[in-house]
């Protein structure tokens, strides 16, 4: 099952501040629902353990995360591949920062998720709603935490 989501929140901070937080795995993980741990392998590779609930079912994923296509202060691609018993997930997120009015930054993101196995068997509409909620919650919380200063 393939799912596509996108958004472009405006953050009340300059691009340098948003970029700094985007490159901080602990800050990013604190916005991600269900993240239990993040281990840096090197500056662009991370191992993440995340528990995700979809309805009454709970899945615990081990994700390998890689940052690529990095153009400092402008854009990056974040790819995450993960497994849970009987399920796999691949997520590719493209992120672009744009300086807008009054020192604010627009964080434009687009994510494509491919989900297979038991998680995908839950039902397309239910899974899509849960994935959309988790994805939007992540980016909204990320922006909110930067705005809060």
Protein backbone atom coordinates (compact mmCIF):
# COMPACT_ATOMS: atom_id res chain seq x y z
CA UNK A 1 0.00 0.00 0.00
CA UNK A 2 1.34 3.41 -0.98
CA UNK A 3 0.42 6.63 0.82
CA UNK A 4 1.39 10.20 -0.13
CA UNK A 5 1.15 13.22 2.16
CA UNK A 6 2.46 16.79 2.06
CA UNK A 7 2.30 20.07 3.90
CA UNK A 8 4.01 23.43 4.25
CA UNK A 9 3.74 24.96 7.72
CA UNK A 10 5.17 28.41 8.32
CA UNK A 11 7.50 28.55 11.31
CA UNK A 12 8.17 31.79 13.20
CA UNK A 13 11.95 31.34 13.10
CA UNK A 14 14.73 32.00 10.60
CA UNK A 15 15.85 29.22 8.29
CA UNK A 16 19.10 28.70 10.25
CA UNK A 17 17.15 27.86 13.42
CA UNK A 18 14.76 25.50 11.62
CA UNK A 19 17.70 23.78 9.89
CA UNK A 20 19.55 23.33 13.19
CA UNK A 21 16.53 21.55 14.67
CA UNK A 22 15.95 19.51 11.51
CA UNK A 23 19.50 18.16 11.77
CA UNK A 24 19.16 17.31 15.49
CA UNK A 25 17.94 13.69 15.74
CA UNK A 26 16.83 14.08 19.36
CA UNK A 27 14.74 17.17 18.55
CA UNK A 28 13.19 15.43 15.53
CA UNK A 29 12.49 12.25 17.53
CA UNK A 30 10.74 14.22 20.26
CA UNK A 31 8.13 15.28 17.67
CA UNK A 32 7.60 11.78 16.28
CA UNK A 33 4.71 9.89 17.88
CA UNK A 34 5.78 6.58 19.40
CA UNK A 35 9.57 6.99 19.13
CA UNK A 36 11.20 5.04 21.95
CA UNK A 37 14.87 5.56 21.07
CA UNK A 38 17.23 7.09 18.52
CA UNK A 39 20.83 6.00 18.08
CA UNK A 40 23.16 7.97 15.81
CA UNK A 41 25.29 5.67 13.66
CA UNK A 42 26.96 8.70 12.05
CA UNK A 43 25.79 12.28 11.29
CA UNK A 44 23.44 11.10 8.50
CA UNK A 45 22.42 7.58 9.66
CA UNK A 46 20.24 6.67 12.62
CA UNK A 47 18.58 3.62 14.13
CA UNK A 48 15.12 4.33 15.53
CA UNK A 49 12.81 2.13 17.59
CA UNK A 50 9.20 3.23 17.34
CA UNK A 51 5.92 1.83 18.58
CA UNK A 52 2.88 2.65 16.47
CA UNK A 53 -0.74 1.90 17.26
CA UNK A 54 -3.26 1.47 14.47
CA UNK A 55 -6.64 0.94 16.04
CA UNK A 56 -6.37 -1.79 18.67
CA UNK A 57 -3.20 -3.18 17.08
CA UNK A 58 0.28 -2.14 18.20
CA UNK A 59 3.40 -2.55 16.08
CA UNK A 60 7.00 -1.96 17.12
CA UNK A 61 9.30 -1.01 14.25
CA UNK A 62 13.08 -0.90 14.02
CA UNK A 63 13.86 1.79 11.45
CA UNK A 64 17.09 2.57 9.64
CA UNK A 65 17.04 6.27 8.79
CA UNK A 66 19.33 7.98 6.30
CA UNK A 67 19.61 11.65 5.38
CA UNK A 68 20.73 12.40 1.82
CA UNK A 69 20.58 15.13 -0.82
CA UNK A 70 21.58 17.59 1.88
CA UNK A 71 21.92 21.19 0.75
CA UNK A 72 22.54 23.11 3.97
CA UNK A 73 19.75 25.52 4.94
CA UNK A 74 17.74 24.51 1.86
CA UNK A 75 16.72 20.86 1.53
CA UNK A 76 17.25 17.23 2.41
CA UNK A 77 15.73 13.80 1.87
CA UNK A 78 15.02 11.52 4.81
CA UNK A 79 14.56 7.82 4.01
CA UNK A 80 13.41 5.37 6.67
CA UNK A 81 13.16 1.62 6.21
CA UNK A 82 11.71 -0.50 8.93
CA UNK A 83 10.44 -3.87 9.99
CA UNK A 84 8.01 -5.13 12.56
CA UNK A 85 6.90 -8.74 12.88
CA UNK A 86 5.06 -9.48 9.63
CA UNK A 87 5.29 -5.92 8.28
CA UNK A 88 7.63 -3.56 6.46
CA UNK A 89 7.52 0.18 5.96
CA UNK A 90 9.51 2.48 3.68
CA UNK A 91 9.11 6.23 4.03
CA UNK A 92 10.81 8.87 1.90
CA UNK A 93 10.35 12.49 2.96
CA UNK A 94 11.61 15.42 0.92
CA UNK A 95 12.00 18.60 2.93
CA UNK A 96 12.63 22.10 1.60
CA UNK A 97 13.11 25.28 3.65
CA UNK A 98 12.17 28.66 2.23
CA UNK A 99 12.76 31.99 3.95
CA UNK A 100 9.51 33.97 3.86
CA UNK A 101 8.35 37.27 5.34
CA UNK A 102 9.53 38.69 8.66
CA UNK A 103 12.23 36.08 9.23
CA UNK A 104 9.78 33.19 9.10
CA UNK A 105 10.51 29.91 7.33
CA UNK A 106 8.20 27.75 5.25
CA UNK A 107 8.96 24.06 5.80
CA UNK A 108 7.59 22.32 2.70
CA UNK A 109 7.53 18.55 3.05
CA UNK A 110 6.26 15.64 0.98
CA UNK A 111 6.29 12.06 2.24
CA UNK A 112 5.66 8.81 0.42
CA UNK A 113 5.12 5.68 2.50
CA UNK A 114 5.01 2.11 1.25
CA UNK A 115 3.55 -0.30 3.78
CA UNK A 116 3.34 -4.08 3.38
CA UNK A 117 2.32 -7.01 5.52
CA UNK A 118 0.07 -7.16 8.57
CA UNK A 119 -0.09 -3.38 8.97
CA UNK A 120 -1.28 -2.97 5.36
CA UNK A 121 -3.94 -5.63 5.92
CA UNK A 122 -5.79 -3.44 8.41
CA UNK A 123 -7.75 -1.69 5.70
CA UNK A 124 -6.78 1.07 3.34
CA UNK A 125 -9.07 3.81 4.65
CA UNK A 126 -8.33 3.14 8.31
CA UNK A 127 -4.58 2.89 7.74
CA UNK A 128 -4.49 5.99 5.55
CA UNK A 129 -6.31 8.02 8.21
CA UNK A 130 -3.92 6.82 10.93
CA UNK A 131 -0.82 7.43 8.80
CA UNK A 132 -2.05 10.89 7.80
CA UNK A 133 -2.74 11.77 11.44
CA UNK A 134 0.72 10.58 12.58
CA UNK A 135 2.53 12.36 9.73
CA UNK A 136 0.68 15.65 10.17
CA UNK A 137 1.04 15.42 13.96
CA UNK A 138 4.81 15.03 13.56
CA UNK A 139 5.31 18.08 11.33
CA UNK A 140 2.83 20.20 13.33
CA UNK A 141 4.59 19.35 16.60
CA UNK A 142 8.01 20.00 15.05
CA UNK A 143 6.86 23.48 13.94
CA UNK A 144 5.07 24.17 17.26
CA UNK A 145 8.17 23.31 19.30
CA UNK A 146 10.36 25.65 17.24
CA UNK A 147 7.73 28.41 17.42
CA UNK A 148 7.64 28.00 21.21
CA UNK A 149 11.35 28.80 21.21
